[in-house]
Amino acid sequence: MDTREITIKVNAEAAYGYAAAAEEREKIDLLLSLRLSQVTGPSASLEQITRETSQAARARGLTESELDGLLREE
């Protein structure tokens, strides 16, 4: 997969959490990349997006509880 680095603005809590999650950063990057692709690409149903994100995250080693925790963070 071709990747590029971008800069985005997030709230302070999200920035702190990302900086503190060095061991999980690759998984977080993947989850963010998938989500950005979904919201900027062709529209799909929320159910389909959730299902595809979950499948891709699991395929790359993110457990269901880790995924749920990431999705519930504000």
C-alpha atoms as a PDB file:
ATOM      1  CA  MET A   1       0.000   0.000   0.000  1.00  0.00           C
ATOM      2  CA  ASP A   2       1.345   3.409  -0.960  1.00  0.00           C
ATOM      3  CA  THR A   3       1.355   5.701   2.066  1.00  0.00           C
ATOM      4  CA  ARG A   4       1.939   9.405   2.561  1.00  0.00           C
ATOM      5  CA  GLU A   5       2.337  11.466   5.669  1.00  0.00           C
ATOM      6  CA  ILE A   6      -0.233  14.196   6.369  1.00  0.00           C
ATOM      7  CA  THR A   7      -0.811  16.699   9.148  1.00  0.00           C
ATOM      8  CA  ILE A   8      -4.257  17.084  10.701  1.00  0.00           C
ATOM      9  CA  LYS A   9      -5.601  19.111  13.616  1.00  0.00           C
ATOM     10  CA  VAL A  10      -7.148  17.148  16.472  1.00  0.00           C
ATOM     11  CA  ASN A  11      -8.174  18.030  19.994  1.00  0.00           C
ATOM     12  CA  ALA A  12      -5.492  18.022  22.695  1.00  0.00           C
ATOM     13  CA  GLU A  13      -6.713  14.784  24.268  1.00  0.00           C
ATOM     14  CA  ALA A  14      -6.495  12.914  20.961  1.00  0.00           C
ATOM     15  CA  ALA A  15      -3.013  14.306  20.291  1.00  0.00           C
ATOM     16  CA  TYR A  16      -1.810  13.278  23.751  1.00  0.00           C
ATOM     17  CA  GLY A  17      -3.302   9.806  23.401  1.00  0.00           C
ATOM     18  CA  TYR A  18      -1.703   9.299  20.004  1.00  0.00           C
ATOM     19  CA  ALA A  19       1.697  10.446  21.266  1.00  0.00           C
ATOM     20  CA  ALA A  20       1.432   8.127  24.272  1.00  0.00           C
ATOM     21  CA  ALA A  21       0.410   5.101  22.183  1.00  0.00           C
ATOM     22  CA  ALA A  22       3.806   4.373  20.610  1.00  0.00           C
ATOM     23  CA  GLU A  23       3.257   0.591  20.602  1.00  0.00           C
ATOM     24  CA  GLU A  24      -0.162   0.894  18.969  1.00  0.00           C
ATOM     25  CA  ARG A  25       0.662   3.707  16.551  1.00  0.00           C
ATOM     26  CA  GLU A  26       0.778   1.505  13.442  1.00  0.00           C
ATOM     27  CA  LYS A  27      -2.682   0.154  14.212  1.00  0.00           C
ATOM     28  CA  ILE A  28      -4.040   3.626  14.913  1.00  0.00           C
ATOM     29  CA  ASP A  29      -2.529   4.919  11.665  1.00  0.00           C
ATOM     30  CA  LEU A  30      -4.202   2.084   9.778  1.00  0.00           C
ATOM     31  CA  LEU A  31      -7.564   2.741  11.402  1.00  0.00           C
ATOM     32  CA  LEU A  32      -7.352   6.467  10.645  1.00  0.00           C
ATOM     33  CA  SER A  33      -6.293   5.792   7.061  1.00  0.00           C
ATOM     34  CA  LEU A  34      -9.210   3.437   6.522  1.00  0.00           C
ATOM     35  CA  ARG A  35     -11.665   5.878   8.042  1.00  0.00           C
ATOM     36  CA  LEU A  36     -10.394   8.839   6.029  1.00  0.00           C
ATOM     37  CA  SER A  37     -10.636   6.790   2.846  1.00  0.00           C
ATOM     38  CA  GLN A  38     -14.215   5.905   3.688  1.00  0.00           C
ATOM     39  CA  VAL A  39     -15.427   9.408   4.465  1.00  0.00           C
ATOM     40  CA  THR A  40     -13.703  10.975   1.464  1.00  0.00           C
ATOM     41  CA  GLY A  41     -14.532   8.232  -1.038  1.00  0.00           C
ATOM     42  CA  PRO A  42     -17.780   7.078  -2.620  1.00  0.00           C
ATOM     43  CA  SER A  43     -20.609   6.968  -0.117  1.00  0.00           C
ATOM     44  CA  ALA A  44     -21.578   3.682   1.443  1.00  0.00           C
ATOM     45  CA  SER A  45     -23.911   2.703   4.231  1.00  0.00           C
ATOM     46  CA  LEU A  46     -22.734   3.104   7.815  1.00  0.00           C
ATOM     47  CA  GLU A  47     -23.200  -0.628   8.328  1.00  0.00           C
ATOM     48  CA  GLN A  48     -21.004  -1.431   5.325  1.00  0.00           C
ATOM     49  CA  ILE A  49     -18.300   1.027   6.422  1.00  0.00           C
ATOM     50  CA  THR A  50     -18.297  -0.376   9.960  1.00  0.00           C
ATOM     51  CA  ARG A  51     -18.115  -3.953   8.711  1.00  0.00           C
ATOM     52  CA  GLU A  52     -15.272  -3.249   6.278  1.00  0.00           C
ATOM     53  CA  THR A  53     -13.297  -1.246   8.831  1.00  0.00           C
ATOM     54  CA  SER A  54     -13.672  -4.002  11.398  1.00  0.00           C
ATOM     55  CA  GLN A  55     -12.587  -6.709   8.941  1.00  0.00           C
ATOM     56  CA  ALA A  56      -9.544  -4.751   7.769  1.00  0.00           C
ATOM     57  CA  ALA A  57      -8.503  -3.900  11.313  1.00  0.00           C
ATOM     58  CA  ARG A  58      -8.806  -7.545  12.444  1.00  0.00           C
ATOM     59  CA  ALA A  59      -6.828  -8.696   9.403  1.00  0.00           C
ATOM     60  CA  ARG A  60      -4.004  -6.419  10.538  1.00  0.00           C
ATOM     61  CA  GLY A  61      -3.991  -7.601  14.153  1.00  0.00           C
ATOM     62  CA  LEU A  62      -6.361  -5.225  15.926  1.00  0.00           C
ATOM     63  CA  THR A  63      -8.653  -7.122  18.284  1.00  0.00           C
ATOM     64  CA  GLU A  64     -12.389  -6.470  18.410  1.00  0.00           C
ATOM     65  CA  SER A  65     -12.121  -4.928  21.899  1.00  0.00           C
ATOM     66  CA  GLU A  66      -9.233  -2.657  20.792  1.00  0.00           C
ATOM     67  CA  LEU A  67     -11.264  -1.558  17.771  1.00  0.00           C
ATOM     68  CA  ASP A  68     -14.335  -0.909  19.929  1.00  0.00           C
ATOM     69  CA  GLY A  69     -12.218   1.120  22.360  1.00  0.00           C
ATOM     70  CA  LEU A  70     -10.770   3.248  19.553  1.00  0.00           C
ATOM     71  CA  LEU A  71     -14.173   3.859  18.001  1.00  0.00           C
ATOM     72  CA  ARG A  72     -15.724   4.887  21.345  1.00  0.00           C
ATOM     73  CA  GLU A  73     -13.035   7.452  22.183  1.00  0.00           C
ATOM     74  CA  GLU A  74     -14.121  11.048  21.829  1.00  0.00           C
END
